[in-house]
């Protein structure tokens, strides 16, 4: 599958890319939310993994723009914030899975599987 990752932290992007490539996925990477939206339109990924806090557009705002027009892309939202308002998001623009930082390879694989199975 083609997975779009977006995080403003270069090391997090590299870790995610390594984990996903190790699972056999093609990876497309963005450094901020606006770039993620542009790449999603061009690359049509099978799923996205987005950092919650990024420059230009947050992960939630990026996801909302990606899902405009009815295309539902499975989404994992990365966050180091444990505030309930982040975790309790609902509606058509809500991420399918919240993945807490720091994470390991197994957690990434599980989160991606859950997002792909989401209705």
PDB file of N, CA and C in Angstrom:
ATOM      1  N   UNK A   1       0.841  -1.186   0.000  1.00  0.00           N
ATOM      2  CA  UNK A   1       0.000   0.000   0.000  1.00  0.00           C
ATOM      3  C   UNK A   1       0.883   1.245   0.000  1.00  0.00           C
ATOM      4  N   UNK A   2       0.297   2.329  -0.438  1.00  0.00           N
ATOM      5  CA  UNK A   2       0.981   3.616  -0.387  1.00  0.00           C
ATOM      6  C   UNK A   2       0.494   4.354   0.848  1.00  0.00           C
ATOM      7  N   UNK A   3       1.442   4.737   1.731  1.00  0.00           N
ATOM      8  CA  UNK A   3       1.122   5.422   2.977  1.00  0.00           C
ATOM      9  C   UNK A   3       1.762   6.803   2.956  1.00  0.00           C
ATOM     10  N   UNK A   4       0.961   7.815   3.207  1.00  0.00           N
ATOM     11  CA  UNK A   4       1.464   9.184   3.339  1.00  0.00           C
ATOM     12  C   UNK A   4       1.737   9.449   4.808  1.00  0.00           C
ATOM     13  N   UNK A   5       2.944   9.899   5.112  1.00  0.00           N
ATOM     14  CA  UNK A   5       3.260  10.312   6.477  1.00  0.00           C
ATOM     15  C   UNK A   5       3.560  11.808   6.468  1.00  0.00           C
ATOM     16  N   UNK A   6       3.145  12.478   7.541  1.00  0.00           N
ATOM     17  CA  UNK A   6       3.413  13.910   7.664  1.00  0.00           C
ATOM     18  C   UNK A   6       3.775  14.225   9.100  1.00  0.00           C
ATOM     19  N   UNK A   7       4.973  14.739   9.270  1.00  0.00           N
ATOM     20  CA  UNK A   7       5.443  15.161  10.589  1.00  0.00           C
ATOM     21  C   UNK A   7       6.542  16.184  10.367  1.00  0.00           C
ATOM     22  N   UNK A   8       6.555  17.242  11.158  1.00  0.00           N
ATOM     23  CA  UNK A   8       7.572  18.271  10.989  1.00  0.00           C
ATOM     24  C   UNK A   8       8.909  17.870  11.599  1.00  0.00           C
ATOM     25  N   UNK A   9       8.958  16.764  12.326  1.00  0.00           N
ATOM     26  CA  UNK A   9      10.193  16.260  12.920  1.00  0.00           C
ATOM     27  C   UNK A   9      10.833  15.251  11.964  1.00  0.00           C
ATOM     28  N   UNK A  10      12.013  15.590  11.465  1.00  0.00           N
ATOM     29  CA  UNK A  10      12.718  14.754  10.493  1.00  0.00           C
ATOM     30  C   UNK A  10      12.970  13.342  11.019  1.00  0.00           C
ATOM     31  N   UNK A  11      13.316  13.219  12.294  1.00  0.00           N
ATOM     32  CA  UNK A  11      13.591  11.904  12.864  1.00  0.00           C
ATOM     33  C   UNK A  11      12.334  11.039  12.949  1.00  0.00           C
ATOM     34  N   UNK A  12      11.215  11.639  13.277  1.00  0.00           N
ATOM     35  CA  UNK A  12       9.956  10.892  13.324  1.00  0.00           C
ATOM     36  C   UNK A  12       9.586  10.421  11.921  1.00  0.00           C
ATOM     37  N   UNK A  13       9.745  11.303  10.928  1.00  0.00           N
ATOM     38  CA  UNK A  13       9.465  10.901   9.539  1.00  0.00           C
ATOM     39  C   UNK A  13      10.346   9.732   9.125  1.00  0.00           C
ATOM     40  N   UNK A  14      11.631   9.809   9.469  1.00  0.00           N
ATOM     41  CA  UNK A  14      12.560   8.737   9.094  1.00  0.00           C
ATOM     42  C   UNK A  14      12.190   7.421   9.786  1.00  0.00           C
ATOM     43  N   UNK A  15      11.840   7.490  11.063  1.00  0.00           N
ATOM     44  CA  UNK A  15      11.451   6.284  11.797  1.00  0.00           C
ATOM     45  C   UNK A  15      10.195   5.664  11.187  1.00  0.00           C
ATOM     46  N   UNK A  16       9.183   6.478  10.933  1.00  0.00           N
ATOM     47  CA  UNK A  16       7.953   5.982  10.322  1.00  0.00           C
ATOM     48  C   UNK A  16       8.223   5.379   8.938  1.00  0.00           C
ATOM     49  N   UNK A  17       9.027   6.059   8.141  1.00  0.00           N
ATOM     50  CA  UNK A  17       9.338   5.560   6.798  1.00  0.00           C
ATOM     51  C   UNK A  17      10.042   4.206   6.880  1.00  0.00           C
ATOM     52  N   UNK A  18      10.970   4.058   7.813  1.00  0.00           N
ATOM     53  CA  UNK A  18      11.679   2.783   7.974  1.00  0.00           C
ATOM     54  C   UNK A  18      10.729   1.668   8.397  1.00  0.00           C
ATOM     55  N   UNK A  19       9.877   1.962   9.375  1.00  0.00           N
ATOM     56  CA  UNK A  19       8.921   0.962   9.860  1.00  0.00           C
ATOM     57  C   UNK A  19       7.984   0.539   8.737  1.00  0.00           C
ATOM     58  N   UNK A  20       7.415   1.505   8.032  1.00  0.00           N
ATOM     59  CA  UNK A  20       6.443   1.200   6.983  1.00  0.00           C
ATOM     60  C   UNK A  20       7.092   0.490   5.794  1.00  0.00           C
ATOM     61  N   UNK A  21       8.294   0.909   5.421  1.00  0.00           N
ATOM     62  CA  UNK A  21       9.008   0.221   4.339  1.00  0.00           C
ATOM     63  C   UNK A  21       9.313  -1.221   4.748  1.00  0.00           C
ATOM     64  N   UNK A  22       9.664  -1.424   6.020  1.00  0.00           N
ATOM     65  CA  UNK A  22       9.914  -2.768   6.525  1.00  0.00           C
ATOM     66  C   UNK A  22       8.678  -3.650   6.483  1.00  0.00           C
ATOM     67  N   UNK A  23       7.512  -3.036   6.516  1.00  0.00           N
ATOM     68  CA  UNK A  23       6.245  -3.772   6.417  1.00  0.00           C
ATOM     69  C   UNK A  23       5.822  -3.961   4.957  1.00  0.00           C
ATOM     70  N   UNK A  24       6.639  -3.452   4.031  1.00  0.00           N
ATOM     71  CA  UNK A  24       6.361  -3.634   2.609  1.00  0.00           C
ATOM     72  C   UNK A  24       5.553  -2.532   1.957  1.00  0.00           C
ATOM     73  N   UNK A  25       5.395  -1.404   2.636  1.00  0.00           N
ATOM     74  CA  UNK A  25       4.589  -0.306   2.092  1.00  0.00           C
ATOM     75  C   UNK A  25       5.452   0.709   1.363  1.00  0.00           C
ATOM     76  N   UNK A  26       4.861   1.369   0.394  1.00  0.00           N
ATOM     77  CA  UNK A  26       5.481   2.511  -0.261  1.00  0.00           C
ATOM     78  C   UNK A  26       5.173   3.732   0.597  1.00  0.00           C
ATOM     79  N   UNK A  27       6.150   4.604   0.794  1.00  0.00           N
ATOM     80  CA  UNK A  27       5.976   5.753   1.677  1.00  0.00           C
ATOM     81  C   UNK A  27       6.166   7.053   0.910  1.00  0.00           C
ATOM     82  N   UNK A  28       5.256   7.996   1.162  1.00  0.00           N
ATOM     83  CA  UNK A  28       5.358   9.361   0.665  1.00  0.00           C
ATOM     84  C   UNK A  28       5.377  10.237   1.906  1.00  0.00           C
ATOM     85  N   UNK A  29       6.318  11.185   1.987  1.00  0.00           N
ATOM     86  CA  UNK A  29       6.475  11.965   3.216  1.00  0.00           C
ATOM     87  C   UNK A  29       6.317  13.459   2.981  1.00  0.00           C
ATOM     88  N   UNK A  30       5.687  14.111   3.970  1.00  0.00           N
ATOM     89  CA  UNK A  30       5.485  15.560   3.953  1.00  0.00           C
ATOM     90  C   UNK A  30       6.042  16.151   5.243  1.00  0.00           C
ATOM     91  N   UNK A  31       6.470  17.410   5.171  1.00  0.00           N
ATOM     92  CA  UNK A  31       7.062  18.068   6.335  1.00  0.00           C
ATOM     93  C   UNK A  31       6.079  18.947   7.102  1.00  0.00           C
ATOM     94  N   UNK A  32       4.894  19.170   6.534  1.00  0.00           N
ATOM     95  CA  UNK A  32       3.876  19.956   7.236  1.00  0.00           C
ATOM     96  C   UNK A  32       2.493  19.591   6.696  1.00  0.00           C
ATOM     97  N   UNK A  33       1.468  20.145   7.321  1.00  0.00           N
ATOM     98  CA  UNK A  33       0.104  19.791   6.962  1.00  0.00           C
ATOM     99  C   UNK A  33      -0.309  20.208   5.565  1.00  0.00           C
ATOM    100  N   UNK A  34       0.111  21.379   5.134  1.00  0.00           N
ATOM    101  CA  UNK A  34      -0.256  21.848   3.797  1.00  0.00           C
ATOM    102  C   UNK A  34       0.385  20.975   2.719  1.00  0.00           C
ATOM    103  N   UNK A  35       1.637  20.618   2.920  1.00  0.00           N
ATOM    104  CA  UNK A  35       2.316  19.728   1.967  1.00  0.00           C
ATOM    105  C   UNK A  35       1.631  18.361   1.947  1.00  0.00           C
ATOM    106  N   UNK A  36       1.168  17.899   3.102  1.00  0.00           N
ATOM    107  CA  UNK A  36       0.468  16.614   3.175  1.00  0.00           C
ATOM    108  C   UNK A  36      -0.799  16.634   2.324  1.00  0.00           C
ATOM    109  N   UNK A  37      -1.539  17.724   2.384  1.00  0.00           N
ATOM    110  CA  UNK A  37      -2.771  17.842   1.591  1.00  0.00           C
ATOM    111  C   UNK A  37      -2.435  17.807   0.100  1.00  0.00           C
ATOM    112  N   UNK A  38      -1.397  18.533  -0.300  1.00  0.00           N
ATOM    113  CA  UNK A  38      -0.987  18.556  -1.709  1.00  0.00           C
ATOM    114  C   UNK A  38      -0.557  17.164  -2.169  1.00  0.00           C
ATOM    115  N   UNK A  39       0.252  16.482  -1.366  1.00  0.00           N
ATOM    116  CA  UNK A  39       0.712  15.136  -1.728  1.00  0.00           C
ATOM    117  C   UNK A  39      -0.441  14.140  -1.782  1.00  0.00           C
ATOM    118  N   UNK A  40      -1.376  14.270  -0.856  1.00  0.00           N
ATOM    119  CA  UNK A  40      -2.522  13.359  -0.844  1.00  0.00           C
ATOM    120  C   UNK A  40      -3.338  13.484  -2.128  1.00  0.00           C
ATOM    121  N   UNK A  41      -3.508  14.716  -2.600  1.00  0.00           N
ATOM    122  CA  UNK A  41      -4.263  14.932  -3.836  1.00  0.00           C
ATOM    123  C   UNK A  41      -3.535  14.338  -5.035  1.00  0.00           C
ATOM    124  N   UNK A  42      -2.229  14.460  -5.045  1.00  0.00           N
ATOM    125  CA  UNK A  42      -1.436  13.980  -6.169  1.00  0.00           C
ATOM    126  C   UNK A  42      -1.177  12.471  -6.111  1.00  0.00           C
ATOM    127  N   UNK A  43      -0.863  11.962  -4.925  1.00  0.00           N
ATOM    128  CA  UNK A  43      -0.434  10.573  -4.775  1.00  0.00           C
ATOM    129  C   UNK A  43      -1.554   9.583  -4.469  1.00  0.00           C
ATOM    130  N   UNK A  44      -2.699  10.082  -3.975  1.00  0.00           N
ATOM    131  CA  UNK A  44      -3.851   9.226  -3.629  1.00  0.00           C
ATOM    132  C   UNK A  44      -3.437   8.045  -2.742  1.00  0.00           C
ATOM    133  N   UNK A  45      -2.928   8.326  -1.530  1.00  0.00           N
ATOM    134  CA  UNK A  45      -2.464   7.242  -0.658  1.00  0.00           C
ATOM    135  C   UNK A  45      -3.616   6.364  -0.172  1.00  0.00           C
ATOM    136  N   UNK A  46      -3.264   5.149   0.220  1.00  0.00           N
ATOM    137  CA  UNK A  46      -4.236   4.209   0.770  1.00  0.00           C
ATOM    138  C   UNK A  46      -4.550   4.521   2.231  1.00  0.00           C
ATOM    139  N   UNK A  47      -3.625   5.206   2.909  1.00  0.00           N
ATOM    140  CA  UNK A  47      -3.806   5.621   4.305  1.00  0.00           C
ATOM    141  C   UNK A  47      -2.829   6.747   4.601  1.00  0.00           C
ATOM    142  N   UNK A  48      -3.107   7.486   5.686  1.00  0.00           N
ATOM    143  CA  UNK A  48      -2.218   8.574   6.104  1.00  0.00           C
ATOM    144  C   UNK A  48      -1.903   8.446   7.588  1.00  0.00           C
ATOM    145  N   UNK A  49      -0.697   8.883   7.931  1.00  0.00           N
ATOM    146  CA  UNK A  49      -0.290   9.004   9.328  1.00  0.00           C
ATOM    147  C   UNK A  49       0.165  10.441   9.500  1.00  0.00           C
ATOM    148  N   UNK A  50      -0.567  11.198  10.317  1.00  0.00           N
ATOM    149  CA  UNK A  50      -0.365  12.635  10.441  1.00  0.00           C
ATOM    150  C   UNK A  50      -0.048  13.035  11.873  1.00  0.00           C
ATOM    151  N   UNK A  51       0.944  13.901  12.020  1.00  0.00           N
ATOM    152  CA  UNK A  51       1.235  14.472  13.331  1.00  0.00           C
ATOM    153  C   UNK A  51       0.124  15.458  13.684  1.00  0.00           C
ATOM    154  N   UNK A  52      -0.245  15.503  14.945  1.00  0.00           N
ATOM    155  CA  UNK A  52      -1.300  16.413  15.383  1.00  0.00           C
ATOM    156  C   UNK A  52      -0.868  17.869  15.239  1.00  0.00           C
ATOM    157  N   UNK A  53       0.319  18.206  15.743  1.00  0.00           N
ATOM    158  CA  UNK A  53       0.803  19.590  15.695  1.00  0.00           C
ATOM    159  C   UNK A  53       1.870  19.731  14.621  1.00  0.00           C
ATOM    160  N   UNK A  54       1.529  20.468  13.553  1.00  0.00           N
ATOM    161  CA  UNK A  54       2.459  20.732  12.459  1.00  0.00           C
ATOM    162  C   UNK A  54       2.291  22.175  12.006  1.00  0.00           C
ATOM    163  N   UNK A  55       3.328  22.727  11.360  1.00  0.00           N
ATOM    164  CA  UNK A  55       3.195  24.063  10.786  1.00  0.00           C
ATOM    165  C   UNK A  55       2.176  24.086   9.645  1.00  0.00           C
ATOM    166  N   UNK A  56       1.662  25.255   9.395  1.00  0.00           N
ATOM    167  CA  UNK A  56       0.738  25.565   8.297  1.00  0.00           C
ATOM    168  C   UNK A  56      -0.633  24.948   8.468  1.00  0.00           C
ATOM    169  N   UNK A  57      -0.748  23.666   8.725  1.00  0.00           N
ATOM    170  CA  UNK A  57      -2.032  23.009   9.000  1.00  0.00           C
ATOM    171  C   UNK A  57      -1.783  21.891  10.008  1.00  0.00           C
ATOM    172  N   UNK A  58      -2.673  21.765  10.962  1.00  0.00           N
ATOM    173  CA  UNK A  58      -2.548  20.658  11.918  1.00  0.00           C
ATOM    174  C   UNK A  58      -2.904  19.347  11.216  1.00  0.00           C
ATOM    175  N   UNK A  59      -2.629  18.246  11.875  1.00  0.00           N
ATOM    176  CA  UNK A  59      -3.017  16.949  11.330  1.00  0.00           C
ATOM    177  C   UNK A  59      -4.516  16.830  11.144  1.00  0.00           C
ATOM    178  N   UNK A  60      -5.280  17.345  12.098  1.00  0.00           N
ATOM    179  CA  UNK A  60      -6.746  17.289  12.018  1.00  0.00           C
ATOM    180  C   UNK A  60      -7.251  18.136  10.847  1.00  0.00           C
ATOM    181  N   UNK A  61      -6.710  19.341  10.693  1.00  0.00           N
ATOM    182  CA  UNK A  61      -7.119  20.207   9.581  1.00  0.00           C
ATOM    183  C   UNK A  61      -6.713  19.619   8.236  1.00  0.00           C
ATOM    184  N   UNK A  62      -5.530  19.021   8.192  1.00  0.00           N
ATOM    185  CA  UNK A  62      -5.069  18.366   6.961  1.00  0.00           C
ATOM    186  C   UNK A  62      -6.009  17.234   6.578  1.00  0.00           C
ATOM    187  N   UNK A  63      -6.372  16.427   7.561  1.00  0.00           N
ATOM    188  CA  UNK A  63      -7.263  15.300   7.304  1.00  0.00           C
ATOM    189  C   UNK A  63      -8.623  15.788   6.802  1.00  0.00           C
ATOM    190  N   UNK A  64      -9.137  16.841   7.405  1.00  0.00           N
ATOM    191  CA  UNK A  64     -10.430  17.387   6.967  1.00  0.00           C
ATOM    192  C   UNK A  64     -10.360  17.792   5.495  1.00  0.00           C
ATOM    193  N   UNK A  65      -9.274  18.423   5.090  1.00  0.00           N
ATOM    194  CA  UNK A  65      -9.140  18.836   3.684  1.00  0.00           C
ATOM    195  C   UNK A  65      -8.990  17.627   2.764  1.00  0.00           C
ATOM    196  N   UNK A  66      -8.270  16.614   3.228  1.00  0.00           N
ATOM    197  CA  UNK A  66      -8.106  15.401   2.414  1.00  0.00           C
ATOM    198  C   UNK A  66      -9.436  14.697   2.193  1.00  0.00           C
ATOM    199  N   UNK A  67     -10.302  14.765   3.192  1.00  0.00           N
ATOM    200  CA  UNK A  67     -11.579  14.061   3.102  1.00  0.00           C
ATOM    201  C   UNK A  67     -12.682  14.891   2.459  1.00  0.00           C
ATOM    202  N   UNK A  68     -12.407  16.127   2.090  1.00  0.00           N
ATOM    203  CA  UNK A  68     -13.406  16.936   1.381  1.00  0.00           C
ATOM    204  C   UNK A  68     -13.710  16.269   0.050  1.00  0.00           C
ATOM    205  N   UNK A  69     -14.917  16.344  -0.362  1.00  0.00           N
ATOM    206  CA  UNK A  69     -15.298  15.743  -1.629  1.00  0.00           C
ATOM    207  C   UNK A  69     -15.670  14.280  -1.514  1.00  0.00           C
ATOM    208  N   UNK A  70     -15.709  13.768  -0.285  1.00  0.00           N
ATOM    209  CA  UNK A  70     -16.203  12.417  -0.065  1.00  0.00           C
ATOM    210  C   UNK A  70     -15.182  11.307  -0.067  1.00  0.00           C
ATOM    211  N   UNK A  71     -13.906  11.578  -0.376  1.00  0.00           N
ATOM    212  CA  UNK A  71     -12.906  10.507  -0.337  1.00  0.00           C
ATOM    213  C   UNK A  71     -12.510  10.259   1.108  1.00  0.00           C
ATOM    214  N   UNK A  72     -12.763   9.049   1.574  1.00  0.00           N
ATOM    215  CA  UNK A  72     -12.454   8.701   2.947  1.00  0.00           C
ATOM    216  C   UNK A  72     -11.124   7.959   2.999  1.00  0.00           C
ATOM    217  N   UNK A  73     -10.108   8.641   3.461  1.00  0.00           N
ATOM    218  CA  UNK A  73      -8.799   8.020   3.582  1.00  0.00           C
ATOM    219  C   UNK A  73      -8.609   7.587   5.044  1.00  0.00           C
ATOM    220  N   UNK A  74      -8.238   6.315   5.279  1.00  0.00           N
ATOM    221  CA  UNK A  74      -7.975   5.872   6.652  1.00  0.00           C
ATOM    222  C   UNK A  74      -6.831   6.690   7.252  1.00  0.00           C
ATOM    223  N   UNK A  75      -6.982   7.078   8.530  1.00  0.00           N
ATOM    224  CA  UNK A  75      -6.016   7.997   9.116  1.00  0.00           C
ATOM    225  C   UNK A  75      -5.633   7.645  10.543  1.00  0.00           C
ATOM    226  N   UNK A  76      -4.327   7.756  10.793  1.00  0.00           N
ATOM    227  CA  UNK A  76      -3.759   7.639  12.133  1.00  0.00           C
ATOM    228  C   UNK A  76      -3.239   9.019  12.497  1.00  0.00           C
ATOM    229  N   UNK A  77      -3.582   9.503  13.683  1.00  0.00           N
ATOM    230  CA  UNK A  77      -3.104  10.791  14.162  1.00  0.00           C
ATOM    231  C   UNK A  77      -2.077  10.552  15.252  1.00  0.00           C
ATOM    232  N   UNK A  78      -0.870  11.094  15.055  1.00  0.00           N
ATOM    233  CA  UNK A  78       0.201  10.991  16.044  1.00  0.00           C
ATOM    234  C   UNK A  78       0.120  12.165  17.000  1.00  0.00           C
ATOM    235  N   UNK A  79       0.279  11.901  18.296  1.00  0.00           N
ATOM    236  CA  UNK A  79       0.270  13.005  19.252  1.00  0.00           C
ATOM    237  C   UNK A  79       1.027  12.645  20.509  1.00  0.00           C
ATOM    238  N   UNK A  80       1.613  13.658  21.102  1.00  0.00           N
ATOM    239  CA  UNK A  80       2.223  13.530  22.419  1.00  0.00           C
ATOM    240  C   UNK A  80       1.313  14.172  23.459  1.00  0.00           C
ATOM    241  N   UNK A  81       0.167  14.664  23.014  1.00  0.00           N
ATOM    242  CA  UNK A  81      -0.781  15.347  23.892  1.00  0.00           C
ATOM    243  C   UNK A  81      -1.809  14.337  24.379  1.00  0.00           C
ATOM    244  N   UNK A  82      -1.959  14.241  25.681  1.00  0.00           N
ATOM    245  CA  UNK A  82      -2.905  13.260  26.217  1.00  0.00           C
ATOM    246  C   UNK A  82      -4.227  13.894  26.644  1.00  0.00           C
ATOM    247  N   UNK A  83      -4.474  15.105  26.203  1.00  0.00           N
ATOM    248  CA  UNK A  83      -5.707  15.808  26.556  1.00  0.00           C
ATOM    249  C   UNK A  83      -6.924  15.110  25.929  1.00  0.00           C
ATOM    250  N   UNK A  84      -7.998  14.928  26.685  1.00  0.00           N
ATOM    251  CA  UNK A  84      -9.189  14.234  26.168  1.00  0.00           C
ATOM    252  C   UNK A  84      -9.773  14.853  24.900  1.00  0.00           C
ATOM    253  N   UNK A  85      -9.697  16.162  24.727  1.00  0.00           N
ATOM    254  CA  UNK A  85     -10.286  16.790  23.537  1.00  0.00           C
ATOM    255  C   UNK A  85      -9.631  16.280  22.257  1.00  0.00           C
ATOM    256  N   UNK A  86      -8.362  15.923  22.319  1.00  0.00           N
ATOM    257  CA  UNK A  86      -7.672  15.360  21.155  1.00  0.00           C
ATOM    258  C   UNK A  86      -8.165  13.942  20.905  1.00  0.00           C
ATOM    259  N   UNK A  87      -8.330  13.174  21.965  1.00  0.00           N
ATOM    260  CA  UNK A  87      -8.705  11.768  21.866  1.00  0.00           C
ATOM    261  C   UNK A  87     -10.183  11.546  21.559  1.00  0.00           C
ATOM    262  N   UNK A  88     -11.017  12.494  21.914  1.00  0.00           N
ATOM    263  CA  UNK A  88     -12.455  12.287  21.802  1.00  0.00           C
ATOM    264  C   UNK A  88     -13.065  12.885  20.539  1.00  0.00           C
ATOM    265  N   UNK A  89     -12.250  13.210  19.562  1.00  0.00           N
ATOM    266  CA  UNK A  89     -12.767  13.784  18.320  1.00  0.00           C
ATOM    267  C   UNK A  89     -13.685  12.779  17.623  1.00  0.00           C
ATOM    268  N   UNK A  90     -14.797  13.278  17.118  1.00  0.00           N
ATOM    269  CA  UNK A  90     -15.744  12.426  16.394  1.00  0.00           C
ATOM    270  C   UNK A  90     -16.163  13.125  15.116  1.00  0.00           C
ATOM    271  N   UNK A  91     -16.868  12.416  14.275  1.00  0.00           N
ATOM    272  CA  UNK A  91     -17.377  12.993  13.042  1.00  0.00           C
ATOM    273  C   UNK A  91     -16.579  12.538  11.836  1.00  0.00           C
ATOM    274  N   UNK A  92     -16.972  13.019  10.661  1.00  0.00           N
ATOM    275  CA  UNK A  92     -16.353  12.547   9.420  1.00  0.00           C
ATOM    276  C   UNK A  92     -14.883  12.929   9.258  1.00  0.00           C
ATOM    277  N   UNK A  93     -14.438  13.953   9.976  1.00  0.00           N
ATOM    278  CA  UNK A  93     -13.048  14.388   9.857  1.00  0.00           C
ATOM    279  C   UNK A  93     -12.164  13.876  10.985  1.00  0.00           C
ATOM    280  N   UNK A  94     -12.731  13.075  11.864  1.00  0.00           N
ATOM    281  CA  UNK A  94     -11.953  12.545  12.990  1.00  0.00           C
ATOM    282  C   UNK A  94     -11.015  11.443  12.499  1.00  0.00           C
ATOM    283  N   UNK A  95      -9.828  11.356  13.073  1.00  0.00           N
ATOM    284  CA  UNK A  95      -8.932  10.256  12.704  1.00  0.00           C
ATOM    285  C   UNK A  95      -9.514   8.922  13.167  1.00  0.00           C
ATOM    286  N   UNK A  96      -9.109   7.854  12.514  1.00  0.00           N
ATOM    287  CA  UNK A  96      -9.590   6.524  12.875  1.00  0.00           C
ATOM    288  C   UNK A  96      -8.891   5.993  14.118  1.00  0.00           C
ATOM    289  N   UNK A  97      -7.632   6.379  14.284  1.00  0.00           N
ATOM    290  CA  UNK A  97      -6.818   5.889  15.396  1.00  0.00           C
ATOM    291  C   UNK A  97      -5.931   7.020  15.894  1.00  0.00           C
ATOM    292  N   UNK A  98      -5.764   7.100  17.205  1.00  0.00           N
ATOM    293  CA  UNK A  98      -4.799   8.017  17.826  1.00  0.00           C
ATOM    294  C   UNK A  98      -3.612   7.179  18.276  1.00  0.00           C
ATOM    295  N   UNK A  99      -2.428   7.567  17.870  1.00  0.00           N
ATOM    296  CA  UNK A  99      -1.199   6.866  18.259  1.00  0.00           C
ATOM    297  C   UNK A  99      -0.338   7.823  19.060  1.00  0.00           C
ATOM    298  N   UNK A 100      -0.058   7.432  20.297  1.00  0.00           N
ATOM    299  CA  UNK A 100       0.738   8.285  21.181  1.00  0.00           C
ATOM    300  C   UNK A 100       2.220   8.187  20.875  1.00  0.00           C
ATOM    301  N   UNK A 101       2.883   9.335  20.948  1.00  0.00           N
ATOM    302  CA  UNK A 101       4.339   9.386  20.907  1.00  0.00           C
ATOM    303  C   UNK A 101       4.841   9.257  22.340  1.00  0.00           C
ATOM    304  N   UNK A 102       5.922   8.589  22.585  1.00  0.00           N
ATOM    305  CA  UNK A 102       6.713   7.817  21.624  1.00  0.00           C
ATOM    306  C   UNK A 102       6.018   6.504  21.285  1.00  0.00           C
ATOM    307  N   UNK A 103       6.374   5.952  20.135  1.00  0.00           N
ATOM    308  CA  UNK A 103       5.753   4.710  19.663  1.00  0.00           C
ATOM    309  C   UNK A 103       6.850   3.764  19.205  1.00  0.00           C
ATOM    310  N   UNK A 104       6.476   2.514  19.018  1.00  0.00           N
ATOM    311  CA  UNK A 104       7.419   1.546  18.463  1.00  0.00           C
ATOM    312  C   UNK A 104       6.829   0.960  17.188  1.00  0.00           C
ATOM    313  N   UNK A 105       7.584   0.105  16.525  1.00  0.00           N
ATOM    314  CA  UNK A 105       7.165  -0.451  15.240  1.00  0.00           C
ATOM    315  C   UNK A 105       5.864  -1.237  15.359  1.00  0.00           C
ATOM    316  N   UNK A 106       5.716  -2.011  16.426  1.00  0.00           N
ATOM    317  CA  UNK A 106       4.481  -2.788  16.596  1.00  0.00           C
ATOM    318  C   UNK A 106       3.274  -1.887  16.745  1.00  0.00           C
ATOM    319  N   UNK A 107       3.425  -0.800  17.485  1.00  0.00           N
ATOM    320  CA  UNK A 107       2.310   0.132  17.685  1.00  0.00           C
ATOM    321  C   UNK A 107       1.907   0.782  16.359  1.00  0.00           C
ATOM    322  N   UNK A 108       2.879   1.110  15.529  1.00  0.00           N
ATOM    323  CA  UNK A 108       2.578   1.700  14.221  1.00  0.00           C
ATOM    324  C   UNK A 108       1.812   0.694  13.364  1.00  0.00           C
ATOM    325  N   UNK A 109       2.284  -0.536  13.336  1.00  0.00           N
ATOM    326  CA  UNK A 109       1.618  -1.574  12.535  1.00  0.00           C
ATOM    327  C   UNK A 109       0.184  -1.808  13.014  1.00  0.00           C
ATOM    328  N   UNK A 110      -0.007  -1.883  14.334  1.00  0.00           N
ATOM    329  CA  UNK A 110      -1.358  -2.078  14.893  1.00  0.00           C
ATOM    330  C   UNK A 110      -2.266  -0.907  14.559  1.00  0.00           C
ATOM    331  N   UNK A 111      -1.771   0.308  14.729  1.00  0.00           N
ATOM    332  CA  UNK A 111      -2.578   1.503  14.456  1.00  0.00           C
ATOM    333  C   UNK A 111      -2.991   1.551  12.989  1.00  0.00           C
ATOM    334  N   UNK A 112      -2.070   1.229  12.096  1.00  0.00           N
ATOM    335  CA  UNK A 112      -2.384   1.233  10.671  1.00  0.00           C
ATOM    336  C   UNK A 112      -3.437   0.168  10.351  1.00  0.00           C
ATOM    337  N   UNK A 113      -3.296  -1.009  10.910  1.00  0.00           N
ATOM    338  CA  UNK A 113      -4.292  -2.073  10.700  1.00  0.00           C
ATOM    339  C   UNK A 113      -5.680  -1.626  11.186  1.00  0.00           C
ATOM    340  N   UNK A 114      -5.726  -0.999  12.357  1.00  0.00           N
ATOM    341  CA  UNK A 114      -7.010  -0.523  12.904  1.00  0.00           C
ATOM    342  C   UNK A 114      -7.630   0.534  11.994  1.00  0.00           C
ATOM    343  N   UNK A 115      -6.807   1.459  11.513  1.00  0.00           N
ATOM    344  CA  UNK A 115      -7.329   2.516  10.650  1.00  0.00           C
ATOM    345  C   UNK A 115      -7.871   1.938   9.346  1.00  0.00           C
ATOM    346  N   UNK A 116      -7.211   0.944   8.818  1.00  0.00           N
ATOM    347  CA  UNK A 116      -7.664   0.335   7.564  1.00  0.00           C
ATOM    348  C   UNK A 116      -8.963  -0.449   7.736  1.00  0.00           C
ATOM    349  N   UNK A 117      -9.211  -0.954   8.940  1.00  0.00           N
ATOM    350  CA  UNK A 117     -10.448  -1.707   9.207  1.00  0.00           C
ATOM    351  C   UNK A 117     -11.608  -0.808   9.621  1.00  0.00           C
ATOM    352  N   UNK A 118     -11.320   0.463   9.901  1.00  0.00           N
ATOM    353  CA  UNK A 118     -12.374   1.381  10.387  1.00  0.00           C
ATOM    354  C   UNK A 118     -13.452   1.543   9.318  1.00  0.00           C
ATOM    355  N   UNK A 119     -14.697   1.714   9.763  1.00  0.00           N
ATOM    356  CA  UNK A 119     -15.806   1.864   8.797  1.00  0.00           C
ATOM    357  C   UNK A 119     -15.728   3.158   8.008  1.00  0.00           C
TER     358      UNK A 119
END
